[in-house]
Amino acid sequence: MSTMEKGKEAYNELWCCNKCGSLYDYGWSDFSIHVNRAFLKIKELKTTDAGAAPRLPVPLYVGVFGHSFPGKDQLIPVDFDTFKNYVTALQQ
């Protein structure tokens, strides 16, 4: 982990996975007195992705929480078993 120059966020770091060496950008900021936000974005992936390809619309079991989120054309409500199968699917 190393601190990076401030960008749009109040706090930025470069995270490195101890196991595979992949690099991630981490950012945090306080949106308001009651809300803060954080993100973790892949910068350099050093492993092979074993998961199945993403689907659109994304099947979600509980829903989306937050200040803003993708439109309904990108999300679809599903039962738990459908969601579980989606997030645990492997490449063919």
C-alpha atoms as a PDB file:
ATOM      1  CA  MET A   1       0.000   0.000   0.000  1.00  0.00           C
ATOM      2  CA  SER A   2       1.299   3.442  -0.876  1.00  0.00           C
ATOM      3  CA  THR A   3      -0.351   6.847  -0.656  1.00  0.00           C
ATOM      4  CA  MET A   4      -0.930   8.597  -3.966  1.00  0.00           C
ATOM      5  CA  GLU A   5      -1.457  12.194  -5.020  1.00  0.00           C
ATOM      6  CA  LYS A   6      -4.876  13.551  -4.158  1.00  0.00           C
ATOM      7  CA  GLY A   7      -7.293  13.438  -7.046  1.00  0.00           C
ATOM      8  CA  LYS A   8     -11.040  13.892  -6.777  1.00  0.00           C
ATOM      9  CA  GLU A   9     -11.042  11.906  -3.527  1.00  0.00           C
ATOM     10  CA  ALA A  10      -9.867  13.069  -0.096  1.00  0.00           C
ATOM     11  CA  TYR A  11      -7.683   9.992   0.332  1.00  0.00           C
ATOM     12  CA  ASN A  12      -6.047   7.874  -2.396  1.00  0.00           C
ATOM     13  CA  GLU A  13      -3.827   4.798  -2.183  1.00  0.00           C
ATOM     14  CA  LEU A  14      -2.326   2.192  -4.467  1.00  0.00           C
ATOM     15  CA  TRP A  15      -3.025  -1.266  -3.026  1.00  0.00           C
ATOM     16  CA  CYS A  16      -1.038  -4.385  -3.953  1.00  0.00           C
ATOM     17  CA  CYS A  17      -2.323  -7.950  -3.378  1.00  0.00           C
ATOM     18  CA  ASN A  18       0.159  -9.860  -1.208  1.00  0.00           C
ATOM     19  CA  LYS A  19      -0.660 -13.130  -2.969  1.00  0.00           C
ATOM     20  CA  CYS A  20      -0.669 -12.326  -6.706  1.00  0.00           C
ATOM     21  CA  GLY A  21       0.795  -8.817  -6.928  1.00  0.00           C
ATOM     22  CA  SER A  22      -2.242  -7.276  -8.658  1.00  0.00           C
ATOM     23  CA  LEU A  23      -2.548  -3.488  -8.243  1.00  0.00           C
ATOM     24  CA  TYR A  24      -5.683  -1.573  -7.247  1.00  0.00           C
ATOM     25  CA  ASP A  25      -6.575   2.111  -6.916  1.00  0.00           C
ATOM     26  CA  TYR A  26      -8.376   2.821  -3.644  1.00  0.00           C
ATOM     27  CA  GLY A  27     -10.095   6.142  -3.027  1.00  0.00           C
ATOM     28  CA  TRP A  28     -12.162   7.479  -0.172  1.00  0.00           C
ATOM     29  CA  SER A  29     -14.007  10.739   0.432  1.00  0.00           C
ATOM     30  CA  ASP A  30     -16.721  12.030   2.704  1.00  0.00           C
ATOM     31  CA  PHE A  31     -19.715  12.935   0.562  1.00  0.00           C
ATOM     32  CA  SER A  32     -21.517  14.640   3.440  1.00  0.00           C
ATOM     33  CA  ILE A  33     -21.573  14.536   7.227  1.00  0.00           C
ATOM     34  CA  HIS A  34     -23.570  11.281   7.102  1.00  0.00           C
ATOM     35  CA  VAL A  35     -22.263   9.673   3.906  1.00  0.00           C
ATOM     36  CA  ASN A  36     -18.807   8.632   2.771  1.00  0.00           C
ATOM     37  CA  ARG A  37     -17.839   6.716  -0.308  1.00  0.00           C
ATOM     38  CA  ALA A  38     -14.988   4.450  -1.232  1.00  0.00           C
ATOM     39  CA  PHE A  39     -13.989   2.579  -4.355  1.00  0.00           C
ATOM     40  CA  LEU A  40     -11.503  -0.106  -5.281  1.00  0.00           C
ATOM     41  CA  LYS A  41     -10.647  -0.290  -9.014  1.00  0.00           C
ATOM     42  CA  ILE A  42      -8.353  -2.802 -10.655  1.00  0.00           C
ATOM     43  CA  LYS A  43      -5.296  -1.131 -12.116  1.00  0.00           C
ATOM     44  CA  GLU A  44      -3.193  -4.149 -13.119  1.00  0.00           C
ATOM     45  CA  LEU A  45      -4.602  -7.694 -12.866  1.00  0.00           C
ATOM     46  CA  LYS A  46      -1.898 -10.345 -12.586  1.00  0.00           C
ATOM     47  CA  THR A  47      -4.166 -13.397 -12.406  1.00  0.00           C
ATOM     48  CA  THR A  48      -6.468 -15.123 -14.855  1.00  0.00           C
ATOM     49  CA  ASP A  49     -10.117 -14.259 -14.296  1.00  0.00           C
ATOM     50  CA  ALA A  50     -11.946 -17.534 -13.631  1.00  0.00           C
ATOM     51  CA  GLY A  51     -15.443 -16.071 -13.413  1.00  0.00           C
ATOM     52  CA  ALA A  52     -17.991 -16.225 -16.200  1.00  0.00           C
ATOM     53  CA  ALA A  53     -18.460 -13.202 -18.444  1.00  0.00           C
ATOM     54  CA  PRO A  54     -20.597 -10.372 -17.004  1.00  0.00           C
ATOM     55  CA  ARG A  55     -24.279 -10.229 -17.921  1.00  0.00           C
ATOM     56  CA  LEU A  56     -26.357  -7.177 -18.761  1.00  0.00           C
ATOM     57  CA  PRO A  57     -28.722  -6.449 -17.217  1.00  0.00           C
ATOM     58  CA  VAL A  58     -26.953  -7.411 -13.981  1.00  0.00           C
ATOM     59  CA  PRO A  59     -29.058  -9.807 -11.862  1.00  0.00           C
ATOM     60  CA  LEU A  60     -29.350  -8.449  -8.313  1.00  0.00           C
ATOM     61  CA  TYR A  61     -31.000 -10.150  -5.363  1.00  0.00           C
ATOM     62  CA  VAL A  62     -31.347  -7.334  -2.812  1.00  0.00           C
ATOM     63  CA  GLY A  63     -31.007  -4.255  -4.977  1.00  0.00           C
ATOM     64  CA  VAL A  64     -28.845  -1.181  -5.232  1.00  0.00           C
ATOM     65  CA  PHE A  65     -28.115   1.139  -2.333  1.00  0.00           C
ATOM     66  CA  GLY A  66     -26.511   4.524  -2.612  1.00  0.00           C
ATOM     67  CA  HIS A  67     -26.762   8.058  -3.875  1.00  0.00           C
ATOM     68  CA  SER A  68     -26.824   7.183  -7.559  1.00  0.00           C
ATOM     69  CA  PHE A  69     -26.828   3.900  -9.424  1.00  0.00           C
ATOM     70  CA  PRO A  70     -27.169   2.464 -12.946  1.00  0.00           C
ATOM     71  CA  GLY A  71     -30.464   2.741 -14.788  1.00  0.00           C
ATOM     72  CA  LYS A  72     -33.105   0.005 -14.668  1.00  0.00           C
ATOM     73  CA  ASP A  73     -32.028  -1.141 -18.144  1.00  0.00           C
ATOM     74  CA  GLN A  74     -28.754  -2.338 -16.557  1.00  0.00           C
ATOM     75  CA  LEU A  75     -30.231  -4.102 -13.499  1.00  0.00           C
ATOM     76  CA  ILE A  76     -32.841  -6.813 -13.059  1.00  0.00           C
ATOM     77  CA  PRO A  77     -34.301  -8.153  -9.781  1.00  0.00           C
ATOM     78  CA  VAL A  78     -33.876 -11.929  -9.370  1.00  0.00           C
ATOM     79  CA  ASP A  79     -34.360 -14.582  -6.683  1.00  0.00           C
ATOM     80  CA  PHE A  80     -31.418 -15.590  -4.475  1.00  0.00           C
ATOM     81  CA  ASP A  81     -30.603 -18.827  -6.321  1.00  0.00           C
ATOM     82  CA  THR A  82     -30.328 -17.002  -9.669  1.00  0.00           C
ATOM     83  CA  PHE A  83     -28.055 -14.373  -8.085  1.00  0.00           C
ATOM     84  CA  LYS A  84     -25.910 -17.040  -6.373  1.00  0.00           C
ATOM     85  CA  ASN A  85     -25.495 -18.920  -9.662  1.00  0.00           C
ATOM     86  CA  TYR A  86     -24.477 -15.685 -11.413  1.00  0.00           C
ATOM     87  CA  VAL A  87     -21.761 -14.661  -8.911  1.00  0.00           C
ATOM     88  CA  THR A  88     -20.335 -18.183  -8.596  1.00  0.00           C
ATOM     89  CA  ALA A  89     -20.363 -19.107 -12.308  1.00  0.00           C
ATOM     90  CA  LEU A  90     -17.061 -20.116 -13.880  1.00  0.00           C
ATOM     91  CA  GLN A  91     -15.835 -19.746 -17.456  1.00  0.00           C
ATOM     92  CA  GLN A  92     -16.840 -22.503 -19.863  1.00  0.00           C
END
